[in-house]
Amino acid sequence: MTGGSKFEIRIGPPRLTRFERARIIGTRALQISMGAPPLLDVDTLPSKDPVIIAEEELKLGILPITLRRVKPGGEYQIIPLKWLLGSGKEVS
C-alpha cells in the first residue's frame, strides 16, 4: 500500500463472511472461558455465557483482530476486522 492510496480489499468479499464470523466468535469465546478479560461490561448483558459475550464484542466492533485471507496460489492479504465490519452489513 503506497502513501495516500485508499485501502482496497482484494481477496474475498468486502464484508465478514459467516465462516469468519463463526471462527472469530468461537476463538474469542474460548479465550474468555480460559480467563481472558472481556472487553465490555458484562453486567449489562443478560447472560455471562462466553459465546454471548464474544458475539456482543463482535457486534460492537471492539475486537482488535486482523484476518489473513489466502488465495490458493499463496497470495494473501491481512485485513483488520474493523474494515470488514464497517464496509457493509455483517453476515448473521
N, C-alpha and C. Protein backbone atom coordinates (compact mmCIF):
# COMPACT_ATOMS: atom_id res chain seq x y z
N MET A 1 0.85 -1.17 0.00
CA MET A 1 0.00 0.00 0.00
C MET A 1 0.89 1.23 0.00
N THR A 2 0.70 2.11 -0.92
CA THR A 2 1.50 3.32 -1.01
C THR A 2 0.87 4.43 -0.20
N GLY A 3 1.67 5.44 0.11
CA GLY A 3 1.16 6.55 0.91
C GLY A 3 0.07 7.31 0.18
N GLY A 4 -1.02 7.57 0.85
CA GLY A 4 -2.11 8.34 0.27
C GLY A 4 -3.13 7.52 -0.49
N SER A 5 -2.85 6.24 -0.77
CA SER A 5 -3.82 5.44 -1.51
C SER A 5 -4.85 4.85 -0.56
N LYS A 6 -6.04 4.65 -1.05
CA LYS A 6 -7.12 4.11 -0.25
C LYS A 6 -6.97 2.59 -0.16
N PHE A 7 -7.28 2.03 1.01
CA PHE A 7 -7.20 0.59 1.21
C PHE A 7 -8.27 -0.11 0.37
N GLU A 8 -7.90 -1.22 -0.22
CA GLU A 8 -8.83 -2.00 -1.04
C GLU A 8 -8.75 -3.46 -0.62
N ILE A 9 -9.90 -4.06 -0.38
CA ILE A 9 -9.94 -5.49 -0.07
C ILE A 9 -9.91 -6.23 -1.39
N ARG A 10 -8.79 -6.90 -1.67
CA ARG A 10 -8.60 -7.58 -2.95
C ARG A 10 -8.99 -9.05 -2.91
N ILE A 11 -8.99 -9.65 -1.74
CA ILE A 11 -9.26 -11.07 -1.62
C ILE A 11 -10.55 -11.27 -0.84
N GLY A 12 -11.50 -11.95 -1.43
CA GLY A 12 -12.75 -12.25 -0.76
C GLY A 12 -13.73 -11.09 -0.82
N PRO A 13 -14.89 -11.30 -0.21
CA PRO A 13 -15.91 -10.25 -0.21
C PRO A 13 -15.52 -9.09 0.70
N PRO A 14 -16.07 -7.92 0.48
CA PRO A 14 -15.73 -6.75 1.30
C PRO A 14 -16.47 -6.71 2.63
N ARG A 15 -16.87 -7.85 3.12
CA ARG A 15 -17.58 -7.95 4.40
C ARG A 15 -17.12 -9.22 5.10
N LEU A 16 -17.51 -9.37 6.33
CA LEU A 16 -17.19 -10.55 7.13
C LEU A 16 -18.09 -11.70 6.68
N THR A 17 -17.50 -12.85 6.33
CA THR A 17 -18.31 -13.99 5.92
C THR A 17 -18.84 -14.73 7.15
N ARG A 18 -19.80 -15.58 6.96
CA ARG A 18 -20.36 -16.33 8.08
C ARG A 18 -19.34 -17.29 8.68
N PHE A 19 -18.40 -17.78 7.87
CA PHE A 19 -17.38 -18.69 8.36
C PHE A 19 -16.35 -17.94 9.21
N GLU A 20 -15.98 -16.75 8.77
CA GLU A 20 -15.06 -15.91 9.54
C GLU A 20 -15.72 -15.49 10.86
N ARG A 21 -16.99 -15.16 10.78
CA ARG A 21 -17.74 -14.75 11.97
C ARG A 21 -17.76 -15.88 13.00
N ALA A 22 -18.04 -17.10 12.56
CA ALA A 22 -18.08 -18.26 13.46
C ALA A 22 -16.71 -18.52 14.07
N ARG A 23 -15.67 -18.40 13.28
CA ARG A 23 -14.31 -18.63 13.76
C ARG A 23 -13.91 -17.58 14.80
N ILE A 24 -14.24 -16.33 14.54
CA ILE A 24 -13.89 -15.25 15.47
C ILE A 24 -14.65 -15.41 16.79
N ILE A 25 -15.94 -15.69 16.72
CA ILE A 25 -16.73 -15.85 17.94
C ILE A 25 -16.25 -17.05 18.73
N GLY A 26 -15.99 -18.17 18.06
CA GLY A 26 -15.51 -19.36 18.75
C GLY A 26 -14.17 -19.16 19.41
N THR A 27 -13.26 -18.51 18.71
CA THR A 27 -11.93 -18.25 19.27
C THR A 27 -12.00 -17.31 20.46
N ARG A 28 -12.77 -16.25 20.31
CA ARG A 28 -12.89 -15.27 21.40
C ARG A 28 -13.61 -15.87 22.61
N ALA A 29 -14.63 -16.70 22.38
CA ALA A 29 -15.34 -17.36 23.48
C ALA A 29 -14.40 -18.29 24.24
N LEU A 30 -13.52 -18.99 23.53
CA LEU A 30 -12.54 -19.85 24.18
C LEU A 30 -11.58 -19.02 25.03
N GLN A 31 -11.13 -17.90 24.50
CA GLN A 31 -10.24 -17.02 25.27
C GLN A 31 -10.92 -16.56 26.56
N ILE A 32 -12.17 -16.15 26.46
CA ILE A 32 -12.91 -15.67 27.63
C ILE A 32 -13.09 -16.80 28.64
N SER A 33 -13.43 -17.99 28.17
CA SER A 33 -13.64 -19.12 29.07
C SER A 33 -12.34 -19.56 29.76
N MET A 34 -11.19 -19.25 29.14
CA MET A 34 -9.90 -19.59 29.73
C MET A 34 -9.36 -18.48 30.62
N GLY A 35 -10.13 -17.40 30.80
CA GLY A 35 -9.76 -16.38 31.76
C GLY A 35 -9.39 -15.03 31.18
N ALA A 36 -9.46 -14.84 29.87
CA ALA A 36 -9.15 -13.53 29.28
C ALA A 36 -10.23 -12.54 29.72
N PRO A 37 -9.85 -11.30 30.00
CA PRO A 37 -10.85 -10.32 30.43
C PRO A 37 -11.74 -9.89 29.28
N PRO A 38 -13.04 -9.78 29.51
CA PRO A 38 -13.95 -9.28 28.47
C PRO A 38 -13.63 -7.82 28.16
N LEU A 39 -13.90 -7.40 26.93
CA LEU A 39 -13.62 -6.04 26.50
C LEU A 39 -14.81 -5.12 26.69
N LEU A 40 -15.85 -5.60 27.32
CA LEU A 40 -17.03 -4.79 27.61
C LEU A 40 -17.55 -5.12 28.99
N ASP A 41 -18.48 -4.32 29.47
CA ASP A 41 -19.07 -4.52 30.79
C ASP A 41 -20.10 -5.65 30.71
N VAL A 42 -19.77 -6.80 31.32
CA VAL A 42 -20.66 -7.96 31.22
C VAL A 42 -21.89 -7.83 32.11
N ASP A 43 -21.90 -6.87 33.02
CA ASP A 43 -23.07 -6.68 33.88
C ASP A 43 -24.29 -6.20 33.09
N THR A 44 -24.07 -5.61 31.91
CA THR A 44 -25.17 -5.12 31.10
C THR A 44 -25.77 -6.21 30.21
N LEU A 45 -25.11 -7.37 30.14
CA LEU A 45 -25.59 -8.46 29.29
C LEU A 45 -26.54 -9.37 30.06
N PRO A 46 -27.50 -9.99 29.35
CA PRO A 46 -28.45 -10.86 30.04
C PRO A 46 -27.82 -12.18 30.50
N SER A 47 -26.70 -12.57 29.90
CA SER A 47 -26.07 -13.84 30.22
C SER A 47 -24.56 -13.66 30.33
N LYS A 48 -23.92 -14.46 31.15
CA LYS A 48 -22.46 -14.42 31.30
C LYS A 48 -21.80 -15.50 30.45
N ASP A 49 -22.53 -16.08 29.53
CA ASP A 49 -22.01 -17.12 28.63
C ASP A 49 -20.91 -16.53 27.75
N PRO A 50 -19.74 -17.18 27.65
CA PRO A 50 -18.65 -16.65 26.82
C PRO A 50 -19.03 -16.43 25.36
N VAL A 51 -19.90 -17.25 24.81
CA VAL A 51 -20.31 -17.08 23.41
C VAL A 51 -21.14 -15.80 23.26
N ILE A 52 -22.02 -15.54 24.20
CA ILE A 52 -22.84 -14.32 24.18
C ILE A 52 -21.94 -13.09 24.29
N ILE A 53 -20.96 -13.16 25.19
CA ILE A 53 -20.02 -12.05 25.36
C ILE A 53 -19.23 -11.81 24.08
N ALA A 54 -18.74 -12.89 23.46
CA ALA A 54 -17.96 -12.78 22.22
C ALA A 54 -18.81 -12.21 21.08
N GLU A 55 -20.06 -12.65 20.98
CA GLU A 55 -20.96 -12.12 19.94
C GLU A 55 -21.18 -10.63 20.13
N GLU A 56 -21.36 -10.20 21.37
CA GLU A 56 -21.60 -8.78 21.64
C GLU A 56 -20.34 -7.95 21.35
N GLU A 57 -19.17 -8.48 21.69
CA GLU A 57 -17.93 -7.78 21.38
C GLU A 57 -17.76 -7.62 19.86
N LEU A 58 -18.11 -8.65 19.11
CA LEU A 58 -18.02 -8.58 17.65
C LEU A 58 -19.03 -7.56 17.11
N LYS A 59 -20.24 -7.60 17.62
CA LYS A 59 -21.28 -6.69 17.15
C LYS A 59 -20.90 -5.23 17.41
N LEU A 60 -20.24 -4.96 18.53
CA LEU A 60 -19.81 -3.60 18.86
C LEU A 60 -18.54 -3.20 18.11
N GLY A 61 -17.86 -4.18 17.51
CA GLY A 61 -16.65 -3.88 16.74
C GLY A 61 -15.45 -3.50 17.59
N ILE A 62 -15.35 -4.05 18.81
CA ILE A 62 -14.26 -3.67 19.70
C ILE A 62 -13.14 -4.71 19.76
N LEU A 63 -13.22 -5.74 18.95
CA LEU A 63 -12.18 -6.76 18.96
C LEU A 63 -10.98 -6.32 18.12
N PRO A 64 -9.78 -6.31 18.69
CA PRO A 64 -8.59 -5.92 17.92
C PRO A 64 -8.02 -7.13 17.15
N ILE A 65 -8.72 -7.53 16.11
CA ILE A 65 -8.37 -8.74 15.36
C ILE A 65 -8.12 -8.38 13.90
N THR A 66 -7.17 -9.08 13.29
CA THR A 66 -6.97 -8.98 11.85
C THR A 66 -7.17 -10.35 11.24
N LEU A 67 -7.69 -10.38 10.03
CA LEU A 67 -7.90 -11.64 9.31
C LEU A 67 -6.87 -11.74 8.20
N ARG A 68 -6.42 -12.95 7.96
CA ARG A 68 -5.50 -13.20 6.85
C ARG A 68 -6.23 -14.06 5.84
N ARG A 69 -6.60 -13.46 4.72
CA ARG A 69 -7.27 -14.18 3.64
C ARG A 69 -6.22 -14.63 2.64
N VAL A 70 -6.26 -15.92 2.30
CA VAL A 70 -5.24 -16.51 1.45
C VAL A 70 -5.87 -17.09 0.19
N LYS A 71 -5.24 -16.84 -0.95
CA LYS A 71 -5.65 -17.45 -2.21
C LYS A 71 -4.90 -18.76 -2.38
N PRO A 72 -5.41 -19.69 -3.20
CA PRO A 72 -4.72 -20.97 -3.41
C PRO A 72 -3.28 -20.82 -3.93
N GLY A 73 -2.97 -19.77 -4.66
CA GLY A 73 -1.63 -19.57 -5.20
C GLY A 73 -0.63 -19.06 -4.18
N GLY A 74 -1.07 -18.77 -2.96
CA GLY A 74 -0.19 -18.29 -1.93
C GLY A 74 -0.29 -16.79 -1.67
N GLU A 75 -0.95 -16.04 -2.54
CA GLU A 75 -1.15 -14.62 -2.31
C GLU A 75 -2.08 -14.45 -1.10
N TYR A 76 -1.76 -13.47 -0.27
CA TYR A 76 -2.60 -13.24 0.90
C TYR A 76 -2.76 -11.75 1.15
N GLN A 77 -3.74 -11.44 1.98
CA GLN A 77 -3.98 -10.06 2.39
C GLN A 77 -4.39 -10.08 3.86
N ILE A 78 -3.80 -9.20 4.63
CA ILE A 78 -4.14 -9.06 6.04
C ILE A 78 -5.11 -7.89 6.16
N ILE A 79 -6.29 -8.17 6.72
CA ILE A 79 -7.37 -7.18 6.78
C ILE A 79 -7.81 -6.99 8.23
N PRO A 80 -7.77 -5.77 8.75
CA PRO A 80 -8.31 -5.52 10.10
C PRO A 80 -9.82 -5.77 10.13
N LEU A 81 -10.28 -6.34 11.21
CA LEU A 81 -11.70 -6.66 11.37
C LEU A 81 -12.58 -5.43 11.22
N LYS A 82 -12.14 -4.29 11.72
CA LYS A 82 -12.97 -3.08 11.67
C LYS A 82 -13.28 -2.67 10.24
N TRP A 83 -12.39 -2.97 9.27
CA TRP A 83 -12.66 -2.64 7.87
C TRP A 83 -13.73 -3.55 7.29
N LEU A 84 -13.79 -4.79 7.74
CA LEU A 84 -14.82 -5.71 7.25
C LEU A 84 -16.18 -5.39 7.86
N LEU A 85 -16.18 -4.94 9.10
CA LEU A 85 -17.45 -4.61 9.76
C LEU A 85 -17.98 -3.27 9.28
N GLY A 86 -17.10 -2.35 8.93
CA GLY A 86 -17.52 -1.02 8.53
C GLY A 86 -17.92 -0.90 7.08
N SER A 87 -17.60 -1.92 6.27
CA SER A 87 -17.85 -1.81 4.83
C SER A 87 -19.20 -2.36 4.39
N GLY A 88 -20.03 -2.72 5.31
CA GLY A 88 -21.33 -3.23 4.91
C GLY A 88 -22.02 -3.91 6.06
N LYS A 89 -23.12 -4.52 5.78
CA LYS A 89 -23.88 -5.20 6.81
C LYS A 89 -23.20 -6.52 7.14
N GLU A 90 -23.10 -6.81 8.44
CA GLU A 90 -22.48 -8.04 8.90
C GLU A 90 -23.37 -9.23 8.55
N VAL A 91 -22.75 -10.34 8.20
CA VAL A 91 -23.49 -11.56 7.89
C VAL A 91 -23.92 -12.22 9.18
N SER A 92 -25.20 -12.53 9.31
CA SER A 92 -25.70 -13.16 10.54
C SER A 92 -25.54 -14.65 10.51
